[in-house]
Amino acid sequence: MSLVRFLKFSLRQSPLKNFEIYRKLDDAKWGRLVGVDELGNRYYENPEERYGRERWCLPAARPSKMDASQIPPRWHSWLHKTTDEVPKPTSAEDAAALHRPKWMAFPHYENFTGTKKANITFNTVRPKVEPWAPNAATRD
């Protein structure tokens, strides 16, 4: 990042806001707040940025808990320019009914891999190979 870009970033917003953005994104970004999703993530847009960097998300989670699966599908499509229509803010109940595709049986939730809520699979098939059990003969 150039010094000029960093100085522009520093002068556009408050120091506390700058610290939060730089801590979570590791980049100096500023723009217009477009919306907030039901998880508390804030979405921004700056048409002055170069292509591919003009839309971004400031996650609500702290940096050690951030994960890409915490972005709902309708906002994901806006971020990646699949659609230019900004998702409308709705309550959690309305979002479950209005914005969930028919093929999606459950509402969106984050990836729980590595946590206590992770899915643990179990095997129902009898093993084909028996493990070796050492039977040591007693010495006389």
N, C-alpha and C. Protein backbone atom coordinates (compact mmCIF):
# COMPACT_ATOMS: atom_id res chain seq x y z
N MET A 1 0.85 -1.17 0.00
CA MET A 1 0.00 0.00 0.00
C MET A 1 0.90 1.23 0.00
N SER A 2 0.51 2.19 -0.79
CA SER A 2 1.31 3.40 -0.90
C SER A 2 1.05 4.31 0.30
N LEU A 3 1.99 5.19 0.53
CA LEU A 3 1.87 6.13 1.64
C LEU A 3 0.71 7.09 1.40
N VAL A 4 0.51 7.51 0.16
CA VAL A 4 -0.59 8.43 -0.16
C VAL A 4 -1.93 7.77 0.13
N ARG A 5 -2.08 6.51 -0.27
CA ARG A 5 -3.34 5.78 -0.01
C ARG A 5 -3.59 5.64 1.48
N PHE A 6 -2.54 5.34 2.24
CA PHE A 6 -2.70 5.19 3.68
C PHE A 6 -3.08 6.51 4.34
N LEU A 7 -2.52 7.62 3.88
CA LEU A 7 -2.86 8.92 4.45
C LEU A 7 -4.31 9.30 4.12
N LYS A 8 -4.77 9.00 2.90
CA LYS A 8 -6.16 9.26 2.55
C LYS A 8 -7.08 8.46 3.46
N PHE A 9 -6.73 7.20 3.67
CA PHE A 9 -7.51 6.32 4.54
C PHE A 9 -7.57 6.89 5.95
N SER A 10 -6.45 7.37 6.45
CA SER A 10 -6.37 7.86 7.83
C SER A 10 -7.19 9.12 8.04
N LEU A 11 -7.33 9.94 7.02
CA LEU A 11 -8.03 11.22 7.18
C LEU A 11 -9.53 11.13 6.90
N ARG A 12 -10.01 10.06 6.33
CA ARG A 12 -11.42 9.97 5.95
C ARG A 12 -12.34 9.58 7.11
N GLN A 13 -11.83 8.87 8.09
CA GLN A 13 -12.67 8.34 9.17
C GLN A 13 -11.99 8.57 10.51
N SER A 14 -12.69 8.20 11.57
CA SER A 14 -12.13 8.36 12.90
C SER A 14 -11.02 7.32 13.13
N PRO A 15 -10.09 7.60 14.03
CA PRO A 15 -9.02 6.64 14.30
C PRO A 15 -9.53 5.30 14.81
N LEU A 16 -10.60 5.29 15.61
CA LEU A 16 -11.15 4.04 16.12
C LEU A 16 -11.71 3.18 14.98
N LYS A 17 -12.43 3.81 14.05
CA LYS A 17 -12.98 3.10 12.89
C LYS A 17 -11.84 2.59 12.00
N ASN A 18 -10.81 3.41 11.80
CA ASN A 18 -9.66 2.99 11.01
C ASN A 18 -8.98 1.78 11.62
N PHE A 19 -8.83 1.78 12.94
CA PHE A 19 -8.19 0.67 13.62
C PHE A 19 -8.99 -0.62 13.43
N GLU A 20 -10.32 -0.52 13.55
CA GLU A 20 -11.17 -1.71 13.39
C GLU A 20 -11.06 -2.27 11.96
N ILE A 21 -11.11 -1.41 10.97
CA ILE A 21 -11.03 -1.85 9.58
C ILE A 21 -9.66 -2.48 9.30
N TYR A 22 -8.61 -1.83 9.73
CA TYR A 22 -7.27 -2.34 9.45
C TYR A 22 -7.00 -3.64 10.20
N ARG A 23 -7.55 -3.77 11.41
CA ARG A 23 -7.36 -4.99 12.20
C ARG A 23 -8.09 -6.18 11.58
N LYS A 24 -9.30 -5.94 11.05
CA LYS A 24 -10.09 -7.05 10.51
C LYS A 24 -9.77 -7.37 9.06
N LEU A 25 -9.40 -6.38 8.27
CA LEU A 25 -9.18 -6.59 6.84
C LEU A 25 -7.72 -6.59 6.43
N ASP A 26 -6.83 -6.10 7.28
CA ASP A 26 -5.42 -5.92 6.94
C ASP A 26 -5.26 -5.06 5.68
N ASP A 27 -6.14 -4.11 5.52
CA ASP A 27 -6.09 -3.21 4.37
C ASP A 27 -6.77 -1.90 4.73
N ALA A 28 -6.38 -0.85 4.06
CA ALA A 28 -6.99 0.46 4.28
C ALA A 28 -8.13 0.62 3.29
N LYS A 29 -9.36 0.59 3.77
CA LYS A 29 -10.53 0.70 2.90
C LYS A 29 -11.51 1.71 3.46
N TRP A 30 -12.19 2.42 2.59
CA TRP A 30 -13.27 3.32 2.99
C TRP A 30 -14.33 3.25 1.91
N GLY A 31 -15.54 3.54 2.30
CA GLY A 31 -16.62 3.50 1.32
C GLY A 31 -17.98 3.77 1.97
N ARG A 32 -19.02 3.61 1.16
CA ARG A 32 -20.39 3.86 1.60
C ARG A 32 -20.97 2.58 2.17
N LEU A 33 -21.58 2.67 3.36
CA LEU A 33 -22.24 1.53 3.98
C LEU A 33 -23.48 1.19 3.16
N VAL A 34 -23.55 -0.04 2.65
CA VAL A 34 -24.66 -0.46 1.81
C VAL A 34 -25.72 -1.17 2.63
N GLY A 35 -25.29 -2.00 3.57
CA GLY A 35 -26.27 -2.72 4.37
C GLY A 35 -25.62 -3.55 5.46
N VAL A 36 -26.47 -4.10 6.31
CA VAL A 36 -26.06 -4.95 7.42
C VAL A 36 -26.92 -6.21 7.36
N ASP A 37 -26.30 -7.38 7.50
CA ASP A 37 -27.09 -8.62 7.47
C ASP A 37 -27.52 -9.02 8.88
N GLU A 38 -28.22 -10.14 8.97
CA GLU A 38 -28.77 -10.59 10.25
C GLU A 38 -27.69 -11.05 11.23
N LEU A 39 -26.48 -11.31 10.75
CA LEU A 39 -25.38 -11.72 11.63
C LEU A 39 -24.58 -10.52 12.14
N GLY A 40 -24.87 -9.32 11.62
CA GLY A 40 -24.17 -8.12 12.06
C GLY A 40 -23.02 -7.71 11.15
N ASN A 41 -22.77 -8.45 10.08
CA ASN A 41 -21.73 -8.07 9.12
C ASN A 41 -22.16 -6.82 8.38
N ARG A 42 -21.20 -5.91 8.15
CA ARG A 42 -21.49 -4.66 7.44
C ARG A 42 -20.87 -4.72 6.04
N TYR A 43 -21.62 -4.30 5.05
CA TYR A 43 -21.19 -4.38 3.66
C TYR A 43 -21.00 -2.97 3.10
N TYR A 44 -19.86 -2.78 2.42
CA TYR A 44 -19.48 -1.47 1.91
C TYR A 44 -19.22 -1.52 0.41
N GLU A 45 -19.30 -0.33 -0.20
CA GLU A 45 -19.02 -0.21 -1.63
C GLU A 45 -18.30 1.11 -1.86
N ASN A 46 -17.28 1.07 -2.72
CA ASN A 46 -16.55 2.27 -3.11
C ASN A 46 -16.23 2.16 -4.60
N PRO A 47 -17.00 2.84 -5.47
CA PRO A 47 -16.76 2.72 -6.90
C PRO A 47 -15.42 3.29 -7.36
N GLU A 48 -14.73 4.04 -6.51
CA GLU A 48 -13.42 4.59 -6.89
C GLU A 48 -12.32 3.53 -6.83
N GLU A 49 -12.56 2.43 -6.13
CA GLU A 49 -11.56 1.35 -6.05
C GLU A 49 -11.45 0.65 -7.40
N ARG A 50 -10.35 -0.09 -7.58
CA ARG A 50 -10.20 -0.82 -8.83
C ARG A 50 -11.14 -2.02 -8.86
N TYR A 51 -11.37 -2.56 -10.05
CA TYR A 51 -12.35 -3.62 -10.24
C TYR A 51 -11.98 -4.85 -9.38
N GLY A 52 -12.98 -5.40 -8.73
CA GLY A 52 -12.77 -6.57 -7.89
C GLY A 52 -12.54 -6.23 -6.43
N ARG A 53 -12.27 -4.97 -6.14
CA ARG A 53 -12.02 -4.55 -4.77
C ARG A 53 -13.02 -3.51 -4.30
N GLU A 54 -14.03 -3.23 -5.10
CA GLU A 54 -14.93 -2.13 -4.76
C GLU A 54 -16.04 -2.53 -3.80
N ARG A 55 -16.25 -3.81 -3.56
CA ARG A 55 -17.25 -4.28 -2.59
C ARG A 55 -16.55 -5.16 -1.57
N TRP A 56 -16.87 -4.96 -0.30
CA TRP A 56 -16.26 -5.78 0.74
C TRP A 56 -17.17 -5.86 1.95
N CYS A 57 -16.80 -6.77 2.83
CA CYS A 57 -17.57 -7.02 4.04
C CYS A 57 -16.68 -6.80 5.25
N LEU A 58 -17.20 -6.12 6.24
CA LEU A 58 -16.51 -5.96 7.52
C LEU A 58 -17.21 -6.89 8.50
N PRO A 59 -16.60 -8.03 8.83
CA PRO A 59 -17.28 -9.04 9.65
C PRO A 59 -17.57 -8.55 11.06
N ALA A 60 -18.65 -9.08 11.62
CA ALA A 60 -19.02 -8.74 12.99
C ALA A 60 -18.18 -9.53 13.99
N ALA A 61 -17.70 -10.69 13.59
CA ALA A 61 -16.91 -11.53 14.49
C ALA A 61 -15.52 -10.94 14.70
N ARG A 62 -14.91 -11.31 15.82
CA ARG A 62 -13.54 -10.85 16.05
C ARG A 62 -12.60 -11.62 15.11
N PRO A 63 -11.42 -11.10 14.84
CA PRO A 63 -10.55 -11.69 13.82
C PRO A 63 -10.23 -13.17 14.02
N SER A 64 -10.13 -13.64 15.24
CA SER A 64 -9.80 -15.06 15.45
C SER A 64 -10.98 -15.97 15.14
N LYS A 65 -12.20 -15.44 15.07
CA LYS A 65 -13.39 -16.25 14.82
C LYS A 65 -13.99 -16.01 13.44
N MET A 66 -13.34 -15.20 12.59
CA MET A 66 -13.90 -14.90 11.28
C MET A 66 -13.79 -16.11 10.36
N ASP A 67 -14.83 -16.31 9.55
CA ASP A 67 -14.87 -17.42 8.61
C ASP A 67 -15.72 -17.00 7.42
N ALA A 68 -15.36 -17.45 6.24
CA ALA A 68 -16.12 -17.08 5.05
C ALA A 68 -17.54 -17.61 5.07
N SER A 69 -17.79 -18.67 5.82
CA SER A 69 -19.14 -19.24 5.87
C SER A 69 -20.10 -18.38 6.70
N GLN A 70 -19.62 -17.31 7.30
CA GLN A 70 -20.48 -16.42 8.07
C GLN A 70 -21.16 -15.36 7.19
N ILE A 71 -20.96 -15.44 5.89
CA ILE A 71 -21.63 -14.52 4.97
C ILE A 71 -22.82 -15.25 4.35
N PRO A 72 -24.03 -14.74 4.54
CA PRO A 72 -25.21 -15.40 3.97
C PRO A 72 -25.18 -15.41 2.44
N PRO A 73 -25.86 -16.38 1.82
CA PRO A 73 -25.80 -16.53 0.35
C PRO A 73 -26.25 -15.31 -0.43
N ARG A 74 -27.28 -14.60 0.03
CA ARG A 74 -27.75 -13.45 -0.75
C ARG A 74 -26.73 -12.32 -0.75
N TRP A 75 -25.99 -12.14 0.36
CA TRP A 75 -24.94 -11.12 0.38
C TRP A 75 -23.71 -11.61 -0.38
N HIS A 76 -23.46 -12.90 -0.38
CA HIS A 76 -22.33 -13.46 -1.13
C HIS A 76 -22.51 -13.16 -2.61
N SER A 77 -23.73 -13.31 -3.11
CA SER A 77 -23.97 -13.04 -4.53
C SER A 77 -23.78 -11.55 -4.84
N TRP A 78 -24.11 -10.67 -3.90
CA TRP A 78 -23.88 -9.25 -4.13
C TRP A 78 -22.38 -8.93 -4.11
N LEU A 79 -21.64 -9.51 -3.17
CA LEU A 79 -20.20 -9.25 -3.07
C LEU A 79 -19.47 -9.67 -4.34
N HIS A 80 -19.86 -10.79 -4.93
CA HIS A 80 -19.17 -11.32 -6.10
C HIS A 80 -19.80 -10.90 -7.42
N LYS A 81 -20.67 -9.88 -7.35
CA LYS A 81 -21.29 -9.26 -8.52
C LYS A 81 -22.11 -10.24 -9.35
N THR A 82 -22.68 -11.24 -8.71
CA THR A 82 -23.64 -12.09 -9.40
C THR A 82 -24.92 -11.30 -9.62
N THR A 83 -25.22 -10.42 -8.67
CA THR A 83 -26.35 -9.52 -8.81
C THR A 83 -25.94 -8.13 -8.32
N ASP A 84 -26.55 -7.12 -8.89
CA ASP A 84 -26.29 -5.75 -8.43
C ASP A 84 -27.35 -5.27 -7.46
N GLU A 85 -28.37 -6.09 -7.24
CA GLU A 85 -29.44 -5.73 -6.33
C GLU A 85 -28.98 -5.96 -4.89
N VAL A 86 -29.03 -4.90 -4.09
CA VAL A 86 -28.62 -5.00 -2.69
C VAL A 86 -29.72 -5.74 -1.92
N PRO A 87 -29.37 -6.79 -1.17
CA PRO A 87 -30.38 -7.50 -0.39
C PRO A 87 -31.07 -6.57 0.60
N LYS A 88 -32.36 -6.69 0.68
CA LYS A 88 -33.14 -5.83 1.57
C LYS A 88 -33.06 -6.36 3.00
N PRO A 89 -32.95 -5.46 3.98
CA PRO A 89 -32.91 -5.92 5.38
C PRO A 89 -34.26 -6.46 5.80
N THR A 90 -34.24 -7.64 6.38
CA THR A 90 -35.46 -8.27 6.87
C THR A 90 -35.18 -8.88 8.23
N SER A 91 -36.23 -9.23 8.92
CA SER A 91 -36.05 -9.91 10.20
C SER A 91 -35.59 -11.34 9.93
N ALA A 92 -35.11 -12.02 10.94
CA ALA A 92 -34.59 -13.38 10.78
C ALA A 92 -35.67 -14.34 10.29
N GLU A 93 -36.92 -14.17 10.74
CA GLU A 93 -38.00 -15.05 10.32
C GLU A 93 -38.33 -14.83 8.85
N ASP A 94 -38.38 -13.57 8.42
CA ASP A 94 -38.68 -13.27 7.03
C ASP A 94 -37.55 -13.73 6.12
N ALA A 95 -36.32 -13.57 6.58
CA ALA A 95 -35.17 -13.98 5.77
C ALA A 95 -35.20 -15.49 5.54
N ALA A 96 -35.63 -16.23 6.53
CA ALA A 96 -35.69 -17.69 6.38
C ALA A 96 -36.70 -18.08 5.32
N ALA A 97 -37.81 -17.39 5.25
CA ALA A 97 -38.87 -17.74 4.31
C ALA A 97 -38.66 -17.13 2.93
N LEU A 98 -38.19 -15.88 2.86
CA LEU A 98 -38.13 -15.17 1.59
C LEU A 98 -36.87 -15.43 0.78
N HIS A 99 -35.73 -15.58 1.43
CA HIS A 99 -34.47 -15.60 0.71
C HIS A 99 -33.81 -16.97 0.65
N ARG A 100 -34.48 -18.00 1.12
CA ARG A 100 -33.89 -19.33 1.09
C ARG A 100 -34.40 -20.07 -0.15
N PRO A 101 -33.50 -20.56 -0.98
CA PRO A 101 -33.95 -21.32 -2.15
C PRO A 101 -34.69 -22.60 -1.74
N LYS A 102 -35.49 -23.14 -2.65
CA LYS A 102 -36.27 -24.33 -2.33
C LYS A 102 -35.38 -25.53 -2.05
N TRP A 103 -34.21 -25.59 -2.70
CA TRP A 103 -33.34 -26.74 -2.50
C TRP A 103 -32.62 -26.69 -1.15
N MET A 104 -32.65 -25.56 -0.50
CA MET A 104 -31.96 -25.40 0.78
C MET A 104 -32.92 -25.76 1.91
N ALA A 105 -32.71 -26.90 2.52
CA ALA A 105 -33.64 -27.40 3.53
C ALA A 105 -33.58 -26.61 4.84
N PHE A 106 -32.42 -26.13 5.21
CA PHE A 106 -32.24 -25.46 6.48
C PHE A 106 -31.73 -24.04 6.27
N PRO A 107 -31.94 -23.15 7.22
CA PRO A 107 -31.39 -21.80 7.07
C PRO A 107 -29.87 -21.81 7.12
N HIS A 108 -29.28 -20.75 6.63
CA HIS A 108 -27.82 -20.65 6.58
C HIS A 108 -27.22 -20.60 7.98
N TYR A 109 -26.14 -21.32 8.18
CA TYR A 109 -25.38 -21.24 9.42
C TYR A 109 -23.91 -21.38 9.08
N GLU A 110 -23.07 -20.92 9.99
CA GLU A 110 -21.64 -20.92 9.71
C GLU A 110 -21.06 -22.32 9.80
N ASN A 111 -19.84 -22.48 9.32
CA ASN A 111 -19.14 -23.75 9.33
C ASN A 111 -18.64 -24.02 10.75
N PHE A 112 -19.01 -25.16 11.32
CA PHE A 112 -18.64 -25.48 12.70
C PHE A 112 -17.44 -26.42 12.79
N THR A 113 -16.70 -26.61 11.73
CA THR A 113 -15.54 -27.49 11.76
C THR A 113 -14.53 -27.00 12.79
N GLY A 114 -14.06 -27.90 13.63
CA GLY A 114 -13.08 -27.56 14.66
C GLY A 114 -13.69 -27.04 15.93
N THR A 115 -15.02 -27.06 16.06
CA THR A 115 -15.68 -26.62 17.28
C THR A 115 -16.44 -27.78 17.90
N LYS A 116 -17.06 -27.53 19.03
CA LYS A 116 -17.83 -28.58 19.70
C LYS A 116 -19.12 -28.93 18.94
N LYS A 117 -19.58 -28.02 18.09
CA LYS A 117 -20.80 -28.25 17.32
C LYS A 117 -20.55 -28.97 16.00
N ALA A 118 -19.32 -29.38 15.74
CA ALA A 118 -18.98 -30.02 14.47
C ALA A 118 -19.69 -31.36 14.33
N ASN A 119 -20.01 -31.71 13.09
CA ASN A 119 -20.66 -32.98 12.81
C ASN A 119 -19.66 -34.11 12.97
N ILE A 120 -20.01 -35.12 13.76
CA ILE A 120 -19.14 -36.27 13.96
C ILE A 120 -19.80 -37.46 13.30
N THR A 121 -19.12 -38.02 12.32
CA THR A 121 -19.68 -39.17 11.61
C THR A 121 -19.36 -40.45 12.37
N PHE A 122 -20.16 -41.46 12.14
CA PHE A 122 -19.90 -42.76 12.73
C PHE A 122 -20.13 -43.82 11.66
N ASN A 123 -19.47 -44.96 11.83
CA ASN A 123 -19.53 -46.02 10.84
C ASN A 123 -20.53 -47.07 11.27
N THR A 124 -21.40 -47.48 10.36
CA THR A 124 -22.38 -48.53 10.67
C THR A 124 -22.02 -49.85 10.01
N VAL A 125 -20.92 -49.89 9.28
CA VAL A 125 -20.49 -51.10 8.58
C VAL A 125 -19.47 -51.84 9.43
N ARG A 126 -19.64 -53.15 9.50
CA ARG A 126 -18.69 -53.97 10.26
C ARG A 126 -17.33 -53.91 9.58
N PRO A 127 -16.24 -53.78 10.32
CA PRO A 127 -14.92 -53.69 9.70
C PRO A 127 -14.56 -54.98 8.95
N LYS A 128 -13.87 -54.83 7.82
CA LYS A 128 -13.46 -55.99 7.02
C LYS A 128 -12.19 -56.62 7.55
N VAL A 129 -11.41 -55.87 8.28
CA VAL A 129 -10.16 -56.36 8.84
C VAL A 129 -10.25 -56.23 10.34
N GLU A 130 -9.95 -57.31 11.03
CA GLU A 130 -9.96 -57.28 12.50
C GLU A 130 -8.62 -56.75 13.00
N PRO A 131 -8.64 -55.89 13.99
CA PRO A 131 -7.36 -55.40 14.53
C PRO A 131 -6.63 -56.50 15.29
N TRP A 132 -5.31 -56.41 15.28
CA TRP A 132 -4.48 -57.40 15.94
C TRP A 132 -4.52 -57.18 17.45
N ALA A 133 -4.80 -58.23 18.18
CA ALA A 133 -4.80 -58.18 19.63
C ALA A 133 -3.70 -59.10 20.13
N PRO A 134 -2.65 -58.56 20.69
CA PRO A 134 -1.54 -59.43 21.14
C PRO A 134 -1.94 -60.23 22.37
N ASN A 135 -1.78 -61.54 22.27
CA ASN A 135 -2.01 -62.42 23.42
C ASN A 135 -0.65 -62.98 23.82
N ALA A 136 -0.11 -62.41 24.82
CA ALA A 136 1.22 -62.85 25.26
C ALA A 136 1.08 -64.07 26.16
N ALA A 137 1.85 -65.07 25.87
CA ALA A 137 1.85 -66.29 26.69
C ALA A 137 2.64 -66.01 27.97
N THR A 138 2.16 -66.54 29.06
CA THR A 138 2.88 -66.35 30.32
C THR A 138 4.08 -67.24 30.36
N ARG A 139 5.16 -66.77 30.93
CA ARG A 139 6.39 -67.56 31.04
C ARG A 139 6.41 -68.32 32.35
N ASP A 140 6.86 -69.55 32.24
CA ASP A 140 6.97 -70.38 33.46
C ASP A 140 8.33 -70.34 34.06
